[in-house]
C-alpha cells in the first residue's frame, strides 16, 4: 500500500520556525564538521597519500568521516535541546531515536562523501583552494535531506 504524505502538515509557521532553528543548529554543526574535517585533512591525515580503486582519496574520505561524526554528534545534541522540543518529540529522544537519527545521518554522510569526492574529481588541483565552498554546497544538500529524514522517520512528522 502506498503511503501518501500530507504536505500541508509540513507547511505551516511552526514547522517553518522549527526548520529555521534546525538551520541554525545545522550551521553550528557544520562549523564543527568543517573544523574537524580541516584539522584531520591538513594535520592528522596529511601524511596519507593513497587512493582506493584509483579514484577514492583515502585521506579525504577519512577526514570527511571524522568531521561527519563530530558534526552528527553536535547536531543531535543541539537538535534535542533547541529544535525538536515539543512534548511528543521529547518523548522520542531515546536510543532507538538516536539510531534512526544516525541512519538518516549515514545517508547524509553518503551525500557528503559522494559530493566531496565528486568536487575533488572535478576541481582536481584547485580542490584545496575551494574546499570550503564545496563543503558548503554539499552540506546544504545534506541539510535538507537530514531535516526531512529526521522529521519524518524519527519524529513521525510531529
N, C-alpha and C. Protein backbone atom coordinates (compact mmCIF):
# COMPACT_ATOMS: atom_id res chain seq x y z
N UNK A 1 0.84 -1.17 0.00
CA UNK A 1 0.00 0.00 0.00
C UNK A 1 0.89 1.24 0.00
N UNK A 2 0.56 2.20 -0.81
CA UNK A 2 1.32 3.43 -0.92
C UNK A 2 0.87 4.40 0.15
N UNK A 3 1.83 4.95 0.87
CA UNK A 3 1.52 5.93 1.91
C UNK A 3 1.67 7.33 1.30
N UNK A 4 0.60 8.09 1.33
CA UNK A 4 0.63 9.45 0.77
C UNK A 4 0.92 10.42 1.91
N UNK A 5 1.91 11.29 1.69
CA UNK A 5 2.32 12.26 2.71
C UNK A 5 1.41 13.48 2.63
N UNK A 6 0.92 13.92 3.79
CA UNK A 6 0.11 15.14 3.85
C UNK A 6 1.06 16.32 3.97
N UNK A 7 1.35 16.96 2.83
CA UNK A 7 2.32 18.05 2.80
C UNK A 7 1.84 19.29 3.56
N UNK A 8 0.54 19.48 3.68
CA UNK A 8 0.01 20.64 4.41
C UNK A 8 0.46 20.63 5.86
N UNK A 9 0.61 19.44 6.41
CA UNK A 9 1.06 19.30 7.80
C UNK A 9 2.48 19.85 7.98
N UNK A 10 3.27 19.83 6.90
CA UNK A 10 4.66 20.28 6.97
C UNK A 10 4.84 21.73 6.54
N UNK A 11 3.79 22.35 6.04
CA UNK A 11 3.90 23.72 5.53
C UNK A 11 3.10 24.67 6.40
N UNK A 12 3.58 24.93 7.60
CA UNK A 12 2.93 25.90 8.48
C UNK A 12 4.00 26.68 9.23
N UNK A 13 3.58 27.70 9.95
CA UNK A 13 4.52 28.60 10.62
C UNK A 13 5.37 27.89 11.67
N UNK A 14 4.77 26.97 12.43
CA UNK A 14 5.53 26.26 13.46
C UNK A 14 6.63 25.41 12.84
N UNK A 15 6.32 24.74 11.75
CA UNK A 15 7.33 23.91 11.08
C UNK A 15 8.41 24.81 10.47
N UNK A 16 8.01 25.95 9.94
CA UNK A 16 9.00 26.89 9.38
C UNK A 16 9.95 27.37 10.48
N UNK A 17 9.41 27.74 11.65
CA UNK A 17 10.27 28.16 12.77
C UNK A 17 11.20 27.01 13.20
N UNK A 18 10.65 25.81 13.25
CA UNK A 18 11.46 24.65 13.61
C UNK A 18 12.57 24.42 12.59
N UNK A 19 12.24 24.55 11.30
CA UNK A 19 13.25 24.37 10.26
C UNK A 19 14.32 25.45 10.36
N UNK A 20 13.94 26.68 10.67
CA UNK A 20 14.92 27.75 10.82
C UNK A 20 15.84 27.48 12.01
N UNK A 21 15.28 26.97 13.11
CA UNK A 21 16.13 26.57 14.25
C UNK A 21 17.05 25.42 13.83
N UNK A 22 16.51 24.49 13.03
CA UNK A 22 17.34 23.39 12.55
C UNK A 22 18.47 23.91 11.66
N UNK A 23 18.19 24.93 10.87
CA UNK A 23 19.24 25.53 10.03
C UNK A 23 20.32 26.17 10.90
N UNK A 24 19.92 26.86 11.98
CA UNK A 24 20.90 27.47 12.88
C UNK A 24 21.75 26.37 13.55
N UNK A 25 21.09 25.33 14.03
CA UNK A 25 21.80 24.20 14.63
C UNK A 25 22.69 23.55 13.57
N UNK A 26 22.17 23.40 12.37
CA UNK A 26 22.95 22.83 11.28
C UNK A 26 24.17 23.68 10.97
N UNK A 27 24.03 25.00 11.08
CA UNK A 27 25.17 25.89 10.86
C UNK A 27 26.26 25.66 11.89
N UNK A 28 25.87 25.52 13.14
CA UNK A 28 26.85 25.24 14.20
C UNK A 28 27.48 23.86 14.01
N UNK A 29 26.64 22.88 13.68
CA UNK A 29 27.17 21.53 13.44
C UNK A 29 28.09 21.54 12.21
N UNK A 30 27.77 22.36 11.22
CA UNK A 30 28.63 22.50 10.04
C UNK A 30 30.01 23.01 10.45
N UNK A 31 30.04 24.00 11.35
CA UNK A 31 31.33 24.54 11.80
C UNK A 31 32.15 23.46 12.51
N UNK A 32 31.49 22.65 13.32
CA UNK A 32 32.17 21.53 13.99
C UNK A 32 32.68 20.56 12.93
N UNK A 33 31.80 20.17 12.01
CA UNK A 33 32.13 19.23 10.94
C UNK A 33 33.31 19.75 10.12
N UNK A 34 33.21 20.98 9.65
CA UNK A 34 34.27 21.54 8.80
C UNK A 34 35.58 21.70 9.57
N UNK A 35 35.49 22.14 10.83
CA UNK A 35 36.69 22.31 11.64
C UNK A 35 37.44 21.00 11.82
N UNK A 36 36.68 19.93 12.11
CA UNK A 36 37.31 18.61 12.28
C UNK A 36 37.82 18.11 10.93
N UNK A 37 37.03 18.28 9.86
CA UNK A 37 37.48 17.90 8.51
C UNK A 37 38.79 18.60 8.16
N UNK A 38 38.85 19.90 8.39
CA UNK A 38 40.04 20.68 8.07
C UNK A 38 41.24 20.20 8.89
N UNK A 39 41.03 20.04 10.18
CA UNK A 39 42.10 19.58 11.07
C UNK A 39 42.63 18.21 10.63
N UNK A 40 41.72 17.29 10.38
CA UNK A 40 42.17 15.94 10.01
C UNK A 40 42.77 15.92 8.61
N UNK A 41 42.20 16.67 7.67
CA UNK A 41 42.72 16.68 6.30
C UNK A 41 44.11 17.31 6.23
N UNK A 42 44.28 18.45 6.92
CA UNK A 42 45.54 19.19 6.81
C UNK A 42 46.58 18.84 7.86
N UNK A 43 46.17 18.23 8.97
CA UNK A 43 47.14 17.95 10.04
C UNK A 43 47.24 16.45 10.36
N UNK A 44 46.16 15.86 10.81
CA UNK A 44 46.20 14.49 11.31
C UNK A 44 46.50 13.48 10.20
N UNK A 45 45.81 13.60 9.05
CA UNK A 45 45.99 12.65 7.95
C UNK A 45 46.82 13.22 6.81
N UNK A 46 47.55 14.29 7.06
CA UNK A 46 48.31 14.97 5.99
C UNK A 46 49.34 14.04 5.33
N UNK A 47 49.82 13.06 6.05
CA UNK A 47 50.85 12.16 5.53
C UNK A 47 50.28 11.05 4.64
N UNK A 48 48.95 10.87 4.64
CA UNK A 48 48.34 9.78 3.86
C UNK A 48 48.19 10.23 2.41
N UNK A 49 48.74 9.44 1.53
CA UNK A 49 48.63 9.72 0.09
C UNK A 49 48.31 8.41 -0.60
N UNK A 50 47.04 8.01 -0.56
CA UNK A 50 46.64 6.74 -1.15
C UNK A 50 45.25 6.88 -1.75
N UNK A 51 45.00 6.07 -2.75
CA UNK A 51 43.68 6.04 -3.39
C UNK A 51 43.20 4.59 -3.43
N UNK A 52 41.89 4.43 -3.35
CA UNK A 52 41.27 3.12 -3.45
C UNK A 52 40.53 3.08 -4.77
N UNK A 53 40.66 2.03 -5.51
CA UNK A 53 40.03 1.88 -6.82
C UNK A 53 40.49 2.96 -7.79
N UNK A 54 41.60 3.59 -7.50
CA UNK A 54 42.16 4.59 -8.40
C UNK A 54 41.53 5.96 -8.32
N UNK A 55 40.46 6.14 -7.56
CA UNK A 55 39.83 7.46 -7.51
C UNK A 55 39.42 7.91 -6.11
N UNK A 56 39.21 7.00 -5.18
CA UNK A 56 38.73 7.36 -3.85
C UNK A 56 39.93 7.72 -2.97
N UNK A 57 40.07 8.99 -2.68
CA UNK A 57 41.18 9.52 -1.89
C UNK A 57 40.98 9.14 -0.42
N UNK A 58 41.86 8.31 0.11
CA UNK A 58 41.73 7.80 1.48
C UNK A 58 41.80 8.95 2.49
N UNK A 59 42.75 9.84 2.33
CA UNK A 59 42.90 10.98 3.25
C UNK A 59 41.62 11.81 3.29
N UNK A 60 41.07 12.13 2.12
CA UNK A 60 39.85 12.91 2.02
C UNK A 60 38.68 12.17 2.66
N UNK A 61 38.54 10.90 2.35
CA UNK A 61 37.42 10.10 2.84
C UNK A 61 37.47 9.97 4.36
N UNK A 62 38.64 9.70 4.93
CA UNK A 62 38.76 9.58 6.38
C UNK A 62 38.48 10.92 7.08
N UNK A 63 39.00 12.01 6.53
CA UNK A 63 38.78 13.33 7.12
C UNK A 63 37.30 13.71 7.07
N UNK A 64 36.63 13.40 5.96
CA UNK A 64 35.19 13.69 5.83
C UNK A 64 34.42 12.89 6.87
N UNK A 65 34.75 11.62 7.04
CA UNK A 65 34.06 10.77 8.02
C UNK A 65 34.25 11.29 9.44
N UNK A 66 35.46 11.71 9.80
CA UNK A 66 35.71 12.24 11.15
C UNK A 66 34.92 13.52 11.38
N UNK A 67 34.92 14.39 10.41
CA UNK A 67 34.14 15.61 10.51
C UNK A 67 32.66 15.31 10.64
N UNK A 68 32.19 14.36 9.86
CA UNK A 68 30.78 13.98 9.90
C UNK A 68 30.38 13.48 11.28
N UNK A 69 31.18 12.60 11.87
CA UNK A 69 30.85 12.05 13.18
C UNK A 69 30.78 13.16 14.23
N UNK A 70 31.73 14.07 14.20
CA UNK A 70 31.71 15.20 15.14
C UNK A 70 30.49 16.09 14.89
N UNK A 71 30.21 16.37 13.63
CA UNK A 71 29.06 17.21 13.28
C UNK A 71 27.74 16.55 13.63
N UNK A 72 27.62 15.23 13.39
CA UNK A 72 26.40 14.49 13.72
C UNK A 72 26.14 14.54 15.22
N UNK A 73 27.17 14.34 16.01
CA UNK A 73 27.01 14.38 17.46
C UNK A 73 26.56 15.76 17.93
N UNK A 74 27.22 16.80 17.42
CA UNK A 74 26.82 18.17 17.77
C UNK A 74 25.40 18.44 17.32
N UNK A 75 25.05 18.00 16.10
CA UNK A 75 23.71 18.23 15.57
C UNK A 75 22.65 17.55 16.43
N UNK A 76 22.88 16.32 16.82
CA UNK A 76 21.90 15.60 17.63
C UNK A 76 21.69 16.29 18.97
N UNK A 77 22.76 16.59 19.65
CA UNK A 77 22.65 17.23 20.97
C UNK A 77 21.93 18.58 20.86
N UNK A 78 22.34 19.41 19.92
CA UNK A 78 21.72 20.72 19.76
C UNK A 78 20.27 20.62 19.28
N UNK A 79 19.97 19.64 18.42
CA UNK A 79 18.60 19.46 17.94
C UNK A 79 17.67 19.05 19.07
N UNK A 80 18.14 18.16 19.93
CA UNK A 80 17.33 17.73 21.08
C UNK A 80 17.09 18.93 22.01
N UNK A 81 18.09 19.78 22.18
CA UNK A 81 17.96 20.92 23.10
C UNK A 81 17.16 22.08 22.53
N UNK A 82 17.29 22.33 21.20
CA UNK A 82 16.73 23.58 20.64
C UNK A 82 15.76 23.42 19.48
N UNK A 83 15.66 22.26 18.86
CA UNK A 83 14.82 22.15 17.66
C UNK A 83 13.59 21.29 17.90
N UNK A 84 13.80 20.03 18.17
CA UNK A 84 12.69 19.10 18.33
C UNK A 84 12.31 19.07 19.81
N UNK A 85 11.56 20.09 20.24
CA UNK A 85 11.38 20.32 21.67
C UNK A 85 9.96 20.16 22.19
N UNK A 86 8.98 19.88 21.31
CA UNK A 86 7.64 19.72 21.88
C UNK A 86 7.56 18.39 22.63
N UNK A 87 6.53 18.23 23.43
CA UNK A 87 6.45 17.06 24.33
C UNK A 87 6.46 15.73 23.57
N UNK A 88 5.76 15.66 22.43
CA UNK A 88 5.77 14.41 21.65
C UNK A 88 7.17 14.11 21.13
N UNK A 89 7.87 15.14 20.70
CA UNK A 89 9.23 14.94 20.18
C UNK A 89 10.17 14.55 21.31
N UNK A 90 10.05 15.22 22.46
CA UNK A 90 10.93 14.90 23.60
C UNK A 90 10.76 13.45 24.03
N UNK A 91 9.55 12.94 23.94
CA UNK A 91 9.31 11.56 24.37
C UNK A 91 10.00 10.55 23.45
N UNK A 92 10.43 11.01 22.28
CA UNK A 92 11.10 10.11 21.32
C UNK A 92 12.61 10.22 21.38
N UNK A 93 13.14 11.01 22.30
CA UNK A 93 14.59 11.16 22.42
C UNK A 93 15.14 10.03 23.28
N UNK A 94 15.42 8.91 22.63
CA UNK A 94 15.95 7.74 23.30
C UNK A 94 16.96 7.06 22.38
N UNK A 95 17.44 5.93 22.78
CA UNK A 95 18.46 5.22 21.99
C UNK A 95 17.94 4.85 20.60
N UNK A 96 16.70 4.36 20.53
CA UNK A 96 16.12 4.00 19.23
C UNK A 96 16.06 5.23 18.33
N UNK A 97 15.62 6.36 18.87
CA UNK A 97 15.55 7.59 18.08
C UNK A 97 16.94 8.01 17.60
N UNK A 98 17.93 7.89 18.48
CA UNK A 98 19.29 8.25 18.07
C UNK A 98 19.78 7.34 16.95
N UNK A 99 19.47 6.05 17.03
CA UNK A 99 19.90 5.13 15.99
C UNK A 99 19.25 5.47 14.64
N UNK A 100 17.97 5.78 14.66
CA UNK A 100 17.31 6.20 13.42
C UNK A 100 17.90 7.52 12.95
N UNK A 101 18.13 8.43 13.89
CA UNK A 101 18.76 9.72 13.60
C UNK A 101 20.12 9.49 12.92
N UNK A 102 20.87 8.54 13.46
CA UNK A 102 22.19 8.23 12.91
C UNK A 102 22.07 7.60 11.52
N UNK A 103 21.08 6.73 11.31
CA UNK A 103 20.89 6.12 9.99
C UNK A 103 20.57 7.18 8.96
N UNK A 104 19.69 8.12 9.31
CA UNK A 104 19.41 9.24 8.40
C UNK A 104 20.71 10.00 8.14
N UNK A 105 21.48 10.18 9.21
CA UNK A 105 22.77 10.87 9.08
C UNK A 105 23.76 10.11 8.21
N UNK A 106 23.71 8.79 8.24
CA UNK A 106 24.61 8.00 7.40
C UNK A 106 24.30 8.23 5.93
N UNK A 107 23.02 8.37 5.60
CA UNK A 107 22.66 8.74 4.22
C UNK A 107 23.25 10.12 3.92
N UNK A 108 23.17 11.03 4.91
CA UNK A 108 23.80 12.35 4.77
C UNK A 108 25.30 12.24 4.58
N UNK A 109 25.92 11.29 5.29
CA UNK A 109 27.36 11.05 5.11
C UNK A 109 27.63 10.60 3.68
N UNK A 110 26.78 9.71 3.16
CA UNK A 110 26.93 9.27 1.78
C UNK A 110 26.85 10.45 0.82
N UNK A 111 25.90 11.35 1.06
CA UNK A 111 25.79 12.56 0.24
C UNK A 111 27.08 13.36 0.34
N UNK A 112 27.60 13.50 1.57
CA UNK A 112 28.85 14.23 1.78
C UNK A 112 30.03 13.58 1.06
N UNK A 113 30.18 12.28 1.25
CA UNK A 113 31.31 11.57 0.63
C UNK A 113 31.26 11.68 -0.89
N UNK A 114 30.09 11.41 -1.47
CA UNK A 114 29.95 11.48 -2.92
C UNK A 114 30.18 12.90 -3.41
N UNK A 115 29.54 13.86 -2.75
CA UNK A 115 29.67 15.25 -3.18
C UNK A 115 31.09 15.78 -3.05
N UNK A 116 31.74 15.49 -1.93
CA UNK A 116 33.10 15.99 -1.72
C UNK A 116 34.09 15.32 -2.68
N UNK A 117 33.96 14.01 -2.86
CA UNK A 117 34.86 13.32 -3.78
C UNK A 117 34.58 13.72 -5.24
N UNK A 118 33.32 13.97 -5.56
CA UNK A 118 33.00 14.48 -6.89
C UNK A 118 33.61 15.87 -7.08
N UNK A 119 33.50 16.71 -6.03
CA UNK A 119 34.14 18.03 -6.07
C UNK A 119 35.63 17.93 -6.27
N UNK A 120 36.25 16.98 -5.61
CA UNK A 120 37.71 16.80 -5.76
C UNK A 120 38.05 16.34 -7.17
N UNK A 121 37.23 15.43 -7.73
CA UNK A 121 37.48 14.94 -9.08
C UNK A 121 37.30 16.05 -10.11
N UNK A 122 36.30 16.88 -9.92
CA UNK A 122 36.02 17.96 -10.88
C UNK A 122 37.05 19.08 -10.76
N UNK A 123 37.39 19.45 -9.53
CA UNK A 123 38.29 20.59 -9.32
C UNK A 123 39.77 20.23 -9.38
N UNK A 124 40.08 18.96 -9.21
CA UNK A 124 41.46 18.45 -9.28
C UNK A 124 42.41 19.28 -8.41
N UNK A 125 43.35 19.94 -9.03
CA UNK A 125 44.38 20.70 -8.30
C UNK A 125 43.81 21.88 -7.52
N UNK A 126 42.64 22.36 -7.91
CA UNK A 126 42.03 23.52 -7.23
C UNK A 126 41.19 23.13 -6.03
N UNK A 127 41.06 21.82 -5.76
CA UNK A 127 40.17 21.34 -4.70
C UNK A 127 40.46 21.98 -3.35
N UNK A 128 41.70 21.98 -2.93
CA UNK A 128 42.03 22.51 -1.61
C UNK A 128 41.68 23.99 -1.49
N UNK A 129 41.83 24.73 -2.58
CA UNK A 129 41.50 26.15 -2.57
C UNK A 129 39.99 26.38 -2.42
N UNK A 130 39.19 25.44 -2.96
CA UNK A 130 37.74 25.57 -2.92
C UNK A 130 37.07 24.61 -1.95
N UNK A 131 37.85 24.05 -1.02
CA UNK A 131 37.34 23.07 -0.07
C UNK A 131 36.12 23.59 0.70
N UNK A 132 36.19 24.80 1.22
CA UNK A 132 35.08 25.35 1.98
C UNK A 132 33.85 25.52 1.11
N UNK A 133 33.99 26.03 -0.09
CA UNK A 133 32.86 26.21 -0.99
C UNK A 133 32.20 24.87 -1.34
N UNK A 134 33.01 23.89 -1.68
CA UNK A 134 32.48 22.56 -2.00
C UNK A 134 31.74 22.01 -0.78
N UNK A 135 32.35 22.14 0.39
CA UNK A 135 31.72 21.63 1.62
C UNK A 135 30.40 22.34 1.89
N UNK A 136 30.32 23.63 1.64
CA UNK A 136 29.08 24.38 1.87
C UNK A 136 27.96 23.90 0.94
N UNK A 137 28.26 23.69 -0.32
CA UNK A 137 27.25 23.22 -1.27
C UNK A 137 26.76 21.83 -0.87
N UNK A 138 27.69 20.95 -0.61
CA UNK A 138 27.33 19.57 -0.24
C UNK A 138 26.57 19.56 1.09
N UNK A 139 27.01 20.37 2.04
CA UNK A 139 26.34 20.44 3.35
C UNK A 139 24.91 20.97 3.21
N UNK A 140 24.69 21.90 2.30
CA UNK A 140 23.34 22.42 2.06
C UNK A 140 22.40 21.33 1.57
N UNK A 141 22.88 20.52 0.66
CA UNK A 141 22.08 19.39 0.15
C UNK A 141 21.80 18.41 1.27
N UNK A 142 22.83 18.07 2.04
CA UNK A 142 22.67 17.12 3.14
C UNK A 142 21.76 17.69 4.24
N UNK A 143 21.81 18.99 4.48
CA UNK A 143 20.97 19.62 5.50
C UNK A 143 19.49 19.39 5.20
N UNK A 144 19.10 19.61 3.96
CA UNK A 144 17.69 19.43 3.58
C UNK A 144 17.30 17.96 3.76
N UNK A 145 18.13 17.03 3.27
CA UNK A 145 17.84 15.61 3.46
C UNK A 145 17.73 15.27 4.94
N UNK A 146 18.69 15.72 5.75
CA UNK A 146 18.71 15.37 7.17
C UNK A 146 17.47 15.88 7.90
N UNK A 147 17.06 17.12 7.63
CA UNK A 147 15.87 17.66 8.31
C UNK A 147 14.64 16.85 7.93
N UNK A 148 14.44 16.65 6.64
CA UNK A 148 13.24 15.92 6.20
C UNK A 148 13.29 14.48 6.72
N UNK A 149 14.43 13.83 6.59
CA UNK A 149 14.56 12.45 7.07
C UNK A 149 14.30 12.33 8.56
N UNK A 150 14.84 13.23 9.34
CA UNK A 150 14.66 13.15 10.79
C UNK A 150 13.24 13.53 11.19
N UNK A 151 12.69 14.51 10.52
CA UNK A 151 11.31 14.92 10.81
C UNK A 151 10.36 13.77 10.52
N UNK A 152 10.55 13.08 9.42
CA UNK A 152 9.64 12.02 9.00
C UNK A 152 9.92 10.71 9.75
N UNK A 153 11.19 10.28 9.81
CA UNK A 153 11.50 8.96 10.34
C UNK A 153 11.69 8.91 11.85
N UNK A 154 12.21 9.97 12.45
CA UNK A 154 12.43 9.97 13.90
C UNK A 154 11.21 10.51 14.62
N UNK A 155 10.74 11.68 14.18
CA UNK A 155 9.67 12.36 14.89
C UNK A 155 8.30 12.17 14.26
N UNK A 156 8.22 11.35 13.22
CA UNK A 156 6.96 10.98 12.56
C UNK A 156 6.12 12.20 12.17
N UNK A 157 6.79 13.27 11.75
CA UNK A 157 6.10 14.48 11.29
C UNK A 157 5.61 15.38 12.39
N UNK A 158 5.93 15.07 13.65
CA UNK A 158 5.44 15.89 14.77
C UNK A 158 6.27 17.14 14.93
